[in-house]
Protein backbone atom coordinates (compact mmCIF):
# COMPACT_ATOMS: atom_id res chain seq x y z
CA LYS A 1 0.68 -32.14 -27.45
CA LYS A 2 1.58 -36.06 -28.08
CA GLY A 3 1.18 -38.78 -26.10
CA THR A 4 0.01 -37.99 -22.41
CA PRO A 5 1.90 -34.25 -21.97
CA GLY A 6 -0.15 -31.89 -19.47
CA ALA A 7 0.64 -27.86 -19.43
CA VAL A 8 -0.47 -25.58 -17.12
CA ALA A 9 -0.94 -22.07 -18.26
CA GLY A 10 1.15 -19.68 -16.05
CA ALA A 11 -0.33 -18.21 -12.93
CA GLY A 12 -0.55 -14.62 -14.68
CA ALA A 13 -3.41 -16.16 -16.58
CA ALA A 14 -6.28 -16.71 -14.16
CA ALA A 15 -5.71 -13.38 -12.90
CA SER A 16 -5.97 -11.96 -16.67
CA ALA A 17 -9.05 -14.47 -17.68
CA CYS A 18 -7.10 -15.83 -20.43
CA LEU A 19 -7.28 -19.27 -20.31
CA LEU A 20 -7.33 -22.36 -22.20
CA ASN A 21 -10.16 -22.30 -24.56
CA ALA A 22 -12.17 -25.99 -24.18
CA GLU A 23 -14.45 -24.61 -27.29
CA ASP A 24 -11.28 -24.20 -29.74
CA ARG A 25 -9.44 -27.54 -29.21
CA ASP A 26 -8.89 -30.56 -30.98
CA ALA A 27 -11.48 -33.66 -29.83
CA MET A 28 -8.41 -35.86 -28.60
CA LEU A 29 -7.00 -32.86 -25.82
CA ALA A 30 -9.14 -32.76 -22.26
CA VAL A 31 -8.93 -29.13 -20.85
CA SER A 32 -9.36 -28.98 -17.24
CA SER A 33 -12.88 -26.86 -15.93
CA ASP A 34 -10.97 -23.79 -14.83
CA GLY A 35 -8.78 -23.44 -18.22
CA LEU A 36 -5.41 -23.90 -16.86
CA VAL A 37 -4.82 -27.27 -17.69
CA CYS A 38 -4.86 -29.17 -21.01
CA GLN A 39 -3.81 -32.86 -21.41
CA SER A 40 -3.64 -35.08 -25.10
CA ARG A 41 -5.89 -38.29 -24.70
CA GLY A 42 -4.30 -39.67 -28.13
CA GLU A 43 -1.32 -41.85 -27.79
CA ARG A 44 0.07 -40.91 -31.49
CA SER A 45 -1.95 -37.79 -32.28
CA TRP A 46 -0.84 -33.97 -32.23
CA SER A 47 -3.95 -32.60 -30.06
CA GLY A 48 -3.93 -28.68 -29.71
CA CYS A 49 -6.30 -25.47 -28.59
CA ARG A 50 -6.19 -22.20 -28.39
CA ALA A 51 -6.56 -19.18 -25.40
CA THR A 52 -9.74 -17.64 -24.75
CA LYS A 53 -8.55 -14.60 -25.90
CA GLY A 54 -6.07 -13.04 -28.45
CA VAL A 55 -3.54 -10.81 -29.14
CA TYR A 56 -3.34 -7.96 -31.96
CA SER A 57 -0.60 -6.01 -31.02
CA GLY A 58 1.75 -5.05 -28.24
CA ARG A 59 4.22 -7.73 -26.35
CA HIS A 60 2.38 -10.69 -24.29
CA TYR A 61 4.00 -13.30 -22.64
CA TYR A 62 2.53 -16.27 -21.02
CA GLU A 63 4.45 -19.95 -19.24
CA VAL A 64 3.58 -23.40 -19.19
CA VAL A 65 4.76 -25.89 -16.95
CA VAL A 66 5.51 -29.54 -18.50
CA ARG A 67 3.87 -31.75 -16.30
CA ASP A 68 3.77 -35.15 -17.61
CA GLU A 69 6.12 -37.37 -19.85
CA GLY A 70 5.54 -37.00 -23.33
CA LEU A 71 6.22 -34.56 -26.55
CA CYS A 72 4.83 -30.97 -25.58
CA ARG A 73 4.69 -27.80 -28.43
CA VAL A 74 3.99 -24.28 -27.49
CA GLY A 75 3.54 -21.16 -29.23
CA TRP A 76 1.37 -18.67 -31.09
CA SER A 77 -1.14 -18.88 -34.06
CA CYS A 78 -3.80 -16.91 -35.44
CA THR A 79 -7.09 -17.83 -34.94
CA LEU A 80 -8.77 -17.08 -38.90
CA GLY A 81 -7.67 -20.59 -40.43
CA ALA A 82 -4.43 -22.02 -38.36
CA ASN A 83 -4.43 -25.25 -37.69
CA LEU A 84 -4.75 -26.38 -34.06
CA GLU A 85 -1.32 -28.46 -35.41
CA LEU A 86 0.88 -25.84 -33.86
CA GLY A 87 3.49 -24.84 -36.52
CA THR A 88 2.04 -26.93 -38.81
CA CYS A 89 0.67 -24.33 -40.88
CA ASN A 90 2.49 -20.77 -42.05
CA LEU A 91 -0.21 -19.15 -39.62
CA GLY A 92 1.26 -20.61 -36.60
CA PHE A 93 4.65 -21.05 -34.61
CA GLY A 94 5.57 -23.89 -32.36
CA TYR A 95 8.25 -24.89 -29.78
CA GLY A 96 8.87 -28.32 -29.24
CA GLY A 97 10.03 -30.45 -26.72
CA THR A 98 12.92 -32.23 -29.46
CA ALA A 99 14.51 -28.71 -29.46
CA LYS A 100 12.81 -27.57 -32.91
CA LYS A 101 10.88 -24.80 -33.56
CA SER A 102 8.23 -24.89 -36.65
CA SER A 103 5.59 -23.28 -39.01
CA GLY A 104 4.75 -23.95 -42.27
CA ARG A 105 5.66 -27.63 -41.27
CA ARG A 106 9.66 -26.37 -41.59
CA PHE A 107 11.30 -27.51 -38.34
CA GLU A 108 14.62 -26.06 -37.79
CA ASP A 109 16.88 -26.56 -34.14
CA TYR A 110 16.35 -24.24 -31.66
CA GLY A 111 16.75 -23.93 -28.27
CA GLU A 112 16.87 -26.88 -25.72
CA LYS A 113 15.58 -30.14 -25.33
CA TYR A 114 12.53 -29.88 -22.41
CA GLY A 115 10.29 -32.32 -20.96
CA LYS A 116 8.65 -33.37 -17.15
CA GLY A 117 8.95 -30.32 -14.73
CA ASP A 118 10.28 -27.39 -17.09
CA VAL A 119 9.05 -23.56 -17.49
CA ILE A 120 8.38 -22.90 -20.82
CA GLY A 121 7.73 -19.07 -21.53
CA CYS A 122 6.51 -18.09 -24.92
CA ALA A 123 6.49 -14.54 -25.83
CA ILE A 124 5.41 -12.51 -28.68
CA ASP A 125 6.16 -8.69 -30.08
CA LEU A 126 3.68 -7.88 -32.66
CA GLY A 127 5.68 -4.44 -33.32
CA SER A 128 8.15 -6.08 -34.28
CA GLY A 129 6.83 -9.16 -35.40
CA ALA A 130 9.31 -11.20 -33.29
CA ALA A 131 8.54 -14.54 -31.49
CA GLY A 132 10.11 -16.43 -29.07
CA GLN A 133 10.32 -18.77 -26.36
CA ALA A 134 12.73 -19.24 -23.24
CA GLY A 135 13.33 -22.19 -21.22
CA GLY A 136 15.46 -22.14 -18.26
CA SER A 137 18.85 -19.92 -19.73
CA ILE A 138 17.23 -20.11 -23.53
CA TRP A 139 15.70 -16.94 -25.27
């Protein structure tokens, strides 16, 4: 996230106990005590965090509600060596509010722009290697 956007993990996150990890985050990213909300405290820098659980096989999905103005990037990354700046290394894939997908600092047009009030779904199929984001009518 850049600026002061806030994101909320989907309601299913609490039920499965997969939350935002306050111990695996950038110093400028605040995570709520319940692990469901995060917000960047840096005005001109990206901040990131990972979840409390990883996925290694199968199909997985989560949703993010963008609660504030500013830029946001959501997606997936590997815990072993991936940069917390999602999409800037080869071990992560991100989808940003500017309608760009990214991996390894390669940014390509993808989907639609999103922002405050939007719900973004993130899906991954580790059997096929496919990852995608859904926002509104985008998949």
